[in-house]
């Protein structure tokens, strides 16, 4: 069981490396972390992966929004 799970995690990490700039930013990383956490929290790896994907996507969206707002503030700041 552990061997197959480790193989699955390694495959997920390899696929995440090939993803580059995926349109679902944060989903792959969140899914891997959520899957591992779900596995250790009672063998619910799939549920953890889905939840991790949702949370990872949400956090990536918030981070992008904050970066855009910071860039807009820096652009509109008065020059001293």
PDB file of N, CA and C in Angstrom:
ATOM      1  N   UNK A   1       0.830  -1.189   0.000  1.00  0.00           N
ATOM      2  CA  UNK A   1       0.000   0.000   0.000  1.00  0.00           C
ATOM      3  C   UNK A   1       0.872   1.249   0.000  1.00  0.00           C
ATOM      4  N   UNK A   2       1.906   1.276   0.866  1.00  0.00           N
ATOM      5  CA  UNK A   2       2.763   2.449   0.926  1.00  0.00           C
ATOM      6  C   UNK A   2       3.544   2.634  -0.363  1.00  0.00           C
ATOM      7  N   UNK A   3       3.943   1.525  -0.968  1.00  0.00           N
ATOM      8  CA  UNK A   3       4.718   1.604  -2.196  1.00  0.00           C
ATOM      9  C   UNK A   3       3.878   2.199  -3.321  1.00  0.00           C
ATOM     10  N   UNK A   4       2.628   1.782  -3.431  1.00  0.00           N
ATOM     11  CA  UNK A   4       1.776   2.319  -4.490  1.00  0.00           C
ATOM     12  C   UNK A   4       1.445   3.785  -4.231  1.00  0.00           C
ATOM     13  N   UNK A   5       1.266   4.174  -2.968  1.00  0.00           N
ATOM     14  CA  UNK A   5       0.974   5.564  -2.649  1.00  0.00           C
ATOM     15  C   UNK A   5       2.177   6.444  -2.972  1.00  0.00           C
ATOM     16  N   UNK A   6       3.365   5.978  -2.617  1.00  0.00           N
ATOM     17  CA  UNK A   6       4.573   6.747  -2.926  1.00  0.00           C
ATOM     18  C   UNK A   6       4.746   6.888  -4.435  1.00  0.00           C
ATOM     19  N   UNK A   7       4.434   5.838  -5.177  1.00  0.00           N
ATOM     20  CA  UNK A   7       4.502   5.906  -6.630  1.00  0.00           C
ATOM     21  C   UNK A   7       3.517   6.929  -7.170  1.00  0.00           C
ATOM     22  N   UNK A   8       2.331   6.976  -6.592  1.00  0.00           N
ATOM     23  CA  UNK A   8       1.323   7.938  -7.013  1.00  0.00           C
ATOM     24  C   UNK A   8       1.771   9.363  -6.724  1.00  0.00           C
ATOM     25  N   UNK A   9       2.362   9.592  -5.566  1.00  0.00           N
ATOM     26  CA  UNK A   9       2.848  10.930  -5.211  1.00  0.00           C
ATOM     27  C   UNK A   9       3.973  11.342  -6.151  1.00  0.00           C
ATOM     28  N   UNK A  10       4.894  10.438  -6.440  1.00  0.00           N
ATOM     29  CA  UNK A  10       5.992  10.759  -7.354  1.00  0.00           C
ATOM     30  C   UNK A  10       5.476  11.060  -8.754  1.00  0.00           C
ATOM     31  N   UNK A  11       4.474  10.330  -9.198  1.00  0.00           N
ATOM     32  CA  UNK A  11       3.880  10.598 -10.504  1.00  0.00           C
ATOM     33  C   UNK A  11       3.214  11.969 -10.515  1.00  0.00           C
ATOM     34  N   UNK A  12       2.514  12.305  -9.450  1.00  0.00           N
ATOM     35  CA  UNK A  12       1.857  13.614  -9.366  1.00  0.00           C
ATOM     36  C   UNK A  12       2.890  14.741  -9.379  1.00  0.00           C
ATOM     37  N   UNK A  13       3.985  14.557  -8.675  1.00  0.00           N
ATOM     38  CA  UNK A  13       5.037  15.576  -8.668  1.00  0.00           C
ATOM     39  C   UNK A  13       5.683  15.720 -10.040  1.00  0.00           C
ATOM     40  N   UNK A  14       5.877  14.593 -10.721  1.00  0.00           N
ATOM     41  CA  UNK A  14       6.443  14.649 -12.062  1.00  0.00           C
ATOM     42  C   UNK A  14       5.511  15.383 -13.017  1.00  0.00           C
ATOM     43  N   UNK A  15       4.224  15.103 -12.925  1.00  0.00           N
ATOM     44  CA  UNK A  15       3.261  15.795 -13.785  1.00  0.00           C
ATOM     45  C   UNK A  15       3.188  17.278 -13.437  1.00  0.00           C
ATOM     46  N   UNK A  16       3.332  17.603 -12.173  1.00  0.00           N
ATOM     47  CA  UNK A  16       3.313  19.014 -11.765  1.00  0.00           C
ATOM     48  C   UNK A  16       4.516  19.748 -12.351  1.00  0.00           C
ATOM     49  N   UNK A  17       5.624  19.062 -12.482  1.00  0.00           N
ATOM     50  CA  UNK A  17       6.805  19.672 -13.070  1.00  0.00           C
ATOM     51  C   UNK A  17       6.629  19.972 -14.545  1.00  0.00           C
ATOM     52  N   UNK A  18       5.855  19.153 -15.241  1.00  0.00           N
ATOM     53  CA  UNK A  18       5.615  19.366 -16.654  1.00  0.00           C
ATOM     54  C   UNK A  18       4.501  20.368 -16.917  1.00  0.00           C
ATOM     55  N   UNK A  19       3.760  20.714 -15.903  1.00  0.00           N
ATOM     56  CA  UNK A  19       2.598  21.579 -16.102  1.00  0.00           C
ATOM     57  C   UNK A  19       2.996  22.995 -16.478  1.00  0.00           C
ATOM     58  N   UNK A  20       4.133  23.471 -16.016  1.00  0.00           N
ATOM     59  CA  UNK A  20       4.545  24.832 -16.333  1.00  0.00           C
ATOM     60  C   UNK A  20       3.594  25.823 -15.712  1.00  0.00           C
ATOM     61  N   UNK A  21       3.108  26.730 -16.511  1.00  0.00           N
ATOM     62  CA  UNK A  21       2.151  27.709 -16.007  1.00  0.00           C
ATOM     63  C   UNK A  21       0.749  27.247 -16.395  1.00  0.00           C
ATOM     64  N   UNK A  22       0.212  26.371 -15.622  1.00  0.00           N
ATOM     65  CA  UNK A  22      -1.112  25.838 -15.895  1.00  0.00           C
ATOM     66  C   UNK A  22      -2.159  26.907 -15.641  1.00  0.00           C
ATOM     67  N   UNK A  23      -3.290  26.784 -16.296  1.00  0.00           N
ATOM     68  CA  UNK A  23      -4.345  27.768 -16.102  1.00  0.00           C
ATOM     69  C   UNK A  23      -4.975  27.639 -14.721  1.00  0.00           C
ATOM     70  N   UNK A  24      -4.848  26.484 -14.107  1.00  0.00           N
ATOM     71  CA  UNK A  24      -5.391  26.272 -12.763  1.00  0.00           C
ATOM     72  C   UNK A  24      -4.260  26.416 -11.758  1.00  0.00           C
ATOM     73  N   UNK A  25      -3.763  27.623 -11.624  1.00  0.00           N
ATOM     74  CA  UNK A  25      -2.625  27.879 -10.742  1.00  0.00           C
ATOM     75  C   UNK A  25      -2.964  27.485  -9.312  1.00  0.00           C
ATOM     76  N   UNK A  26      -2.064  26.778  -8.684  1.00  0.00           N
ATOM     77  CA  UNK A  26      -2.255  26.378  -7.296  1.00  0.00           C
ATOM     78  C   UNK A  26      -2.962  25.050  -7.132  1.00  0.00           C
ATOM     79  N   UNK A  27      -3.647  24.592  -8.151  1.00  0.00           N
ATOM     80  CA  UNK A  27      -4.438  23.370  -8.027  1.00  0.00           C
ATOM     81  C   UNK A  27      -3.547  22.138  -7.880  1.00  0.00           C
ATOM     82  N   UNK A  28      -2.509  22.037  -8.688  1.00  0.00           N
ATOM     83  CA  UNK A  28      -1.664  20.847  -8.641  1.00  0.00           C
ATOM     84  C   UNK A  28      -0.930  20.730  -7.311  1.00  0.00           C
ATOM     85  N   UNK A  29      -0.351  21.831  -6.885  1.00  0.00           N
ATOM     86  CA  UNK A  29       0.369  21.812  -5.605  1.00  0.00           C
ATOM     87  C   UNK A  29      -0.596  21.524  -4.461  1.00  0.00           C
ATOM     88  N   UNK A  30      -1.753  22.163  -4.477  1.00  0.00           N
ATOM     89  CA  UNK A  30      -2.748  21.939  -3.436  1.00  0.00           C
ATOM     90  C   UNK A  30      -3.263  20.516  -3.436  1.00  0.00           C
ATOM     91  N   UNK A  31      -3.425  19.944  -4.631  1.00  0.00           N
ATOM     92  CA  UNK A  31      -3.922  18.571  -4.729  1.00  0.00           C
ATOM     93  C   UNK A  31      -2.917  17.584  -4.159  1.00  0.00           C
ATOM     94  N   UNK A  32      -1.644  17.810  -4.416  1.00  0.00           N
ATOM     95  CA  UNK A  32      -0.619  16.903  -3.884  1.00  0.00           C
ATOM     96  C   UNK A  32      -0.581  16.999  -2.359  1.00  0.00           C
ATOM     97  N   UNK A  33      -0.550  18.227  -1.850  1.00  0.00           N
ATOM     98  CA  UNK A  33      -0.501  18.407  -0.397  1.00  0.00           C
ATOM     99  C   UNK A  33      -1.777  17.868   0.255  1.00  0.00           C
ATOM    100  N   UNK A  34      -2.926  18.163  -0.337  1.00  0.00           N
ATOM    101  CA  UNK A  34      -4.193  17.680   0.206  1.00  0.00           C
ATOM    102  C   UNK A  34      -4.310  16.171   0.131  1.00  0.00           C
ATOM    103  N   UNK A  35      -3.800  15.580  -0.937  1.00  0.00           N
ATOM    104  CA  UNK A  35      -3.830  14.130  -1.070  1.00  0.00           C
ATOM    105  C   UNK A  35      -3.004  13.430  -0.012  1.00  0.00           C
ATOM    106  N   UNK A  36      -1.821  13.967   0.240  1.00  0.00           N
ATOM    107  CA  UNK A  36      -0.963  13.387   1.283  1.00  0.00           C
ATOM    108  C   UNK A  36      -1.609  13.554   2.656  1.00  0.00           C
ATOM    109  N   UNK A  37      -2.125  14.751   2.917  1.00  0.00           N
ATOM    110  CA  UNK A  37      -2.773  14.994   4.212  1.00  0.00           C
ATOM    111  C   UNK A  37      -4.005  14.106   4.376  1.00  0.00           C
ATOM    112  N   UNK A  38      -4.789  13.972   3.323  1.00  0.00           N
ATOM    113  CA  UNK A  38      -5.974  13.127   3.377  1.00  0.00           C
ATOM    114  C   UNK A  38      -5.638  11.666   3.580  1.00  0.00           C
ATOM    115  N   UNK A  39      -4.539  11.229   2.979  1.00  0.00           N
ATOM    116  CA  UNK A  39      -4.122   9.839   3.137  1.00  0.00           C
ATOM    117  C   UNK A  39      -3.797   9.534   4.597  1.00  0.00           C
ATOM    118  N   UNK A  40      -3.073  10.435   5.227  1.00  0.00           N
ATOM    119  CA  UNK A  40      -2.696  10.210   6.616  1.00  0.00           C
ATOM    120  C   UNK A  40      -3.836  10.494   7.585  1.00  0.00           C
ATOM    121  N   UNK A  41      -4.865  11.154   7.129  1.00  0.00           N
ATOM    122  CA  UNK A  41      -6.009  11.473   7.997  1.00  0.00           C
ATOM    123  C   UNK A  41      -7.142  10.488   7.763  1.00  0.00           C
ATOM    124  N   UNK A  42      -6.833   9.252   7.604  1.00  0.00           N
ATOM    125  CA  UNK A  42      -7.862   8.226   7.516  1.00  0.00           C
ATOM    126  C   UNK A  42      -8.102   7.697   6.112  1.00  0.00           C
ATOM    127  N   UNK A  43      -7.073   7.692   5.273  1.00  0.00           N
ATOM    128  CA  UNK A  43      -7.163   7.126   3.922  1.00  0.00           C
ATOM    129  C   UNK A  43      -8.224   7.821   3.076  1.00  0.00           C
ATOM    130  N   UNK A  44      -8.233   9.144   3.117  1.00  0.00           N
ATOM    131  CA  UNK A  44      -9.145   9.933   2.292  1.00  0.00           C
ATOM    132  C   UNK A  44      -8.337  10.791   1.326  1.00  0.00           C
ATOM    133  N   UNK A  45      -7.442  10.163   0.588  1.00  0.00           N
ATOM    134  CA  UNK A  45      -6.530  10.901  -0.284  1.00  0.00           C
ATOM    135  C   UNK A  45      -7.262  11.638  -1.389  1.00  0.00           C
ATOM    136  N   UNK A  46      -8.269  11.029  -1.977  1.00  0.00           N
ATOM    137  CA  UNK A  46      -8.984  11.674  -3.086  1.00  0.00           C
ATOM    138  C   UNK A  46      -9.746  12.901  -2.589  1.00  0.00           C
ATOM    139  N   UNK A  47     -10.405  12.764  -1.458  1.00  0.00           N
ATOM    140  CA  UNK A  47     -11.128  13.899  -0.882  1.00  0.00           C
ATOM    141  C   UNK A  47     -10.141  15.015  -0.532  1.00  0.00           C
ATOM    142  N   UNK A  48      -9.007  14.646   0.023  1.00  0.00           N
ATOM    143  CA  UNK A  48      -7.985  15.634   0.355  1.00  0.00           C
ATOM    144  C   UNK A  48      -7.426  16.316  -0.879  1.00  0.00           C
ATOM    145  N   UNK A  49      -7.236  15.551  -1.959  1.00  0.00           N
ATOM    146  CA  UNK A  49      -6.724  16.131  -3.204  1.00  0.00           C
ATOM    147  C   UNK A  49      -7.712  17.130  -3.800  1.00  0.00           C
ATOM    148  N   UNK A  50      -8.981  16.790  -3.781  1.00  0.00           N
ATOM    149  CA  UNK A  50     -10.005  17.704  -4.304  1.00  0.00           C
ATOM    150  C   UNK A  50     -10.056  18.973  -3.457  1.00  0.00           C
ATOM    151  N   UNK A  51     -10.072  18.812  -2.154  1.00  0.00           N
ATOM    152  CA  UNK A  51     -10.080  19.969  -1.266  1.00  0.00           C
ATOM    153  C   UNK A  51      -8.827  20.811  -1.411  1.00  0.00           C
ATOM    154  N   UNK A  52      -7.689  20.144  -1.529  1.00  0.00           N
ATOM    155  CA  UNK A  52      -6.428  20.863  -1.711  1.00  0.00           C
ATOM    156  C   UNK A  52      -6.393  21.641  -3.010  1.00  0.00           C
ATOM    157  N   UNK A  53      -6.968  21.085  -4.058  1.00  0.00           N
ATOM    158  CA  UNK A  53      -7.042  21.774  -5.340  1.00  0.00           C
ATOM    159  C   UNK A  53      -7.894  23.041  -5.213  1.00  0.00           C
ATOM    160  N   UNK A  54      -9.023  22.913  -4.553  1.00  0.00           N
ATOM    161  CA  UNK A  54      -9.914  24.065  -4.384  1.00  0.00           C
ATOM    162  C   UNK A  54      -9.236  25.152  -3.561  1.00  0.00           C
ATOM    163  N   UNK A  55      -8.629  24.774  -2.456  1.00  0.00           N
ATOM    164  CA  UNK A  55      -7.966  25.747  -1.590  1.00  0.00           C
ATOM    165  C   UNK A  55      -6.759  26.359  -2.296  1.00  0.00           C
ATOM    166  N   UNK A  56      -5.968  25.528  -2.973  1.00  0.00           N
ATOM    167  CA  UNK A  56      -4.798  26.034  -3.687  1.00  0.00           C
ATOM    168  C   UNK A  56      -5.168  27.029  -4.770  1.00  0.00           C
ATOM    169  N   UNK A  57      -6.237  26.745  -5.489  1.00  0.00           N
ATOM    170  CA  UNK A  57      -6.704  27.663  -6.536  1.00  0.00           C
ATOM    171  C   UNK A  57      -7.168  28.983  -5.927  1.00  0.00           C
ATOM    172  N   UNK A  58      -7.879  28.903  -4.817  1.00  0.00           N
ATOM    173  CA  UNK A  58      -8.369  30.102  -4.137  1.00  0.00           C
ATOM    174  C   UNK A  58      -7.207  30.969  -3.651  1.00  0.00           C
ATOM    175  N   UNK A  59      -6.203  30.335  -3.044  1.00  0.00           N
ATOM    176  CA  UNK A  59      -5.054  31.084  -2.536  1.00  0.00           C
ATOM    177  C   UNK A  59      -4.254  31.706  -3.678  1.00  0.00           C
ATOM    178  N   UNK A  60      -4.104  30.986  -4.789  1.00  0.00           N
ATOM    179  CA  UNK A  60      -3.380  31.525  -5.938  1.00  0.00           C
ATOM    180  C   UNK A  60      -4.124  32.727  -6.524  1.00  0.00           C
ATOM    181  N   UNK A  61      -5.445  32.646  -6.563  1.00  0.00           N
ATOM    182  CA  UNK A  61      -6.251  33.761  -7.075  1.00  0.00           C
ATOM    183  C   UNK A  61      -6.096  34.983  -6.178  1.00  0.00           C
ATOM    184  N   UNK A  62      -6.134  34.782  -4.860  1.00  0.00           N
ATOM    185  CA  UNK A  62      -5.963  35.895  -3.922  1.00  0.00           C
ATOM    186  C   UNK A  62      -4.568  36.500  -4.030  1.00  0.00           C
ATOM    187  N   UNK A  63      -3.555  35.663  -4.209  1.00  0.00           N
ATOM    188  CA  UNK A  63      -2.184  36.155  -4.335  1.00  0.00           C
ATOM    189  C   UNK A  63      -2.031  36.991  -5.597  1.00  0.00           C
ATOM    190  N   UNK A  64      -2.603  36.532  -6.697  1.00  0.00           N
ATOM    191  CA  UNK A  64      -2.516  37.268  -7.957  1.00  0.00           C
ATOM    192  C   UNK A  64      -3.226  38.616  -7.836  1.00  0.00           C
ATOM    193  N   UNK A  65      -4.379  38.626  -7.202  1.00  0.00           N
ATOM    194  CA  UNK A  65      -5.129  39.860  -7.006  1.00  0.00           C
ATOM    195  C   UNK A  65      -4.341  40.852  -6.147  1.00  0.00           C
ATOM    196  N   UNK A  66      -3.717  40.364  -5.079  1.00  0.00           N
ATOM    197  CA  UNK A  66      -2.923  41.227  -4.208  1.00  0.00           C
ATOM    198  C   UNK A  66      -1.716  41.800  -4.949  1.00  0.00           C
ATOM    199  N   UNK A  67      -1.082  40.992  -5.799  1.00  0.00           N
ATOM    200  CA  UNK A  67       0.054  41.475  -6.578  1.00  0.00           C
ATOM    201  C   UNK A  67      -0.378  42.539  -7.576  1.00  0.00           C
ATOM    202  N   UNK A  68      -1.527  42.348  -8.208  1.00  0.00           N
ATOM    203  CA  UNK A  68      -2.038  43.336  -9.153  1.00  0.00           C
ATOM    204  C   UNK A  68      -2.370  44.646  -8.447  1.00  0.00           C
ATOM    205  N   UNK A  69      -2.960  44.550  -7.257  1.00  0.00           N
ATOM    206  CA  UNK A  69      -3.288  45.757  -6.504  1.00  0.00           C
ATOM    207  C   UNK A  69      -2.029  46.486  -6.053  1.00  0.00           C
ATOM    208  N   UNK A  70      -1.004  45.753  -5.648  1.00  0.00           N
ATOM    209  CA  UNK A  70       0.252  46.371  -5.233  1.00  0.00           C
ATOM    210  C   UNK A  70       0.926  47.063  -6.419  1.00  0.00           C
ATOM    211  N   UNK A  71       0.871  46.439  -7.577  1.00  0.00           N
ATOM    212  CA  UNK A  71       1.457  47.049  -8.770  1.00  0.00           C
ATOM    213  C   UNK A  71       0.699  48.318  -9.152  1.00  0.00           C
ATOM    214  N   UNK A  72      -0.608  48.316  -9.017  1.00  0.00           N
ATOM    215  CA  UNK A  72      -1.411  49.492  -9.329  1.00  0.00           C
ATOM    216  C   UNK A  72      -1.110  50.619  -8.353  1.00  0.00           C
ATOM    217  N   UNK A  73      -0.947  50.279  -7.069  1.00  0.00           N
ATOM    218  CA  UNK A  73      -0.620  51.301  -6.061  1.00  0.00           C
ATOM    219  C   UNK A  73       0.760  51.885  -6.341  1.00  0.00           C
ATOM    220  N   UNK A  74       1.712  51.041  -6.717  1.00  0.00           N
ATOM    221  CA  UNK A  74       3.064  51.510  -6.991  1.00  0.00           C
ATOM    222  C   UNK A  74       3.083  52.402  -8.233  1.00  0.00           C
ATOM    223  N   UNK A  75       2.255  52.107  -9.176  1.00  0.00           N
ATOM    224  CA  UNK A  75       2.192  52.888 -10.406  1.00  0.00           C
ATOM    225  C   UNK A  75       1.547  54.253 -10.150  1.00  0.00           C
ATOM    226  N   UNK A  76       0.597  54.322  -9.236  1.00  0.00           N
ATOM    227  CA  UNK A  76      -0.108  55.562  -8.957  1.00  0.00           C
ATOM    228  C   UNK A  76       0.512  56.373  -7.815  1.00  0.00           C
ATOM    229  N   UNK A  77       1.568  55.875  -7.224  1.00  0.00           N
ATOM    230  CA  UNK A  77       2.218  56.575  -6.103  1.00  0.00           C
ATOM    231  C   UNK A  77       2.891  57.842  -6.598  1.00  0.00           C
ATOM    232  N   UNK A  78       2.824  58.902  -5.820  1.00  0.00           N
ATOM    233  CA  UNK A  78       3.482  60.144  -6.228  1.00  0.00           C
ATOM    234  C   UNK A  78       5.008  59.982  -6.180  1.00  0.00           C
ATOM    235  N   UNK A  79       5.679  60.621  -7.110  1.00  0.00           N
ATOM    236  CA  UNK A  79       7.142  60.562  -7.183  1.00  0.00           C
ATOM    237  C   UNK A  79       7.704  61.621  -6.244  1.00  0.00           C
ATOM    238  N   UNK A  80       8.656  61.227  -5.411  1.00  0.00           N
ATOM    239  CA  UNK A  80       9.222  62.168  -4.433  1.00  0.00           C
ATOM    240  C   UNK A  80      10.620  62.556  -4.810  1.00  0.00           C
TER     241      UNK A  80
END
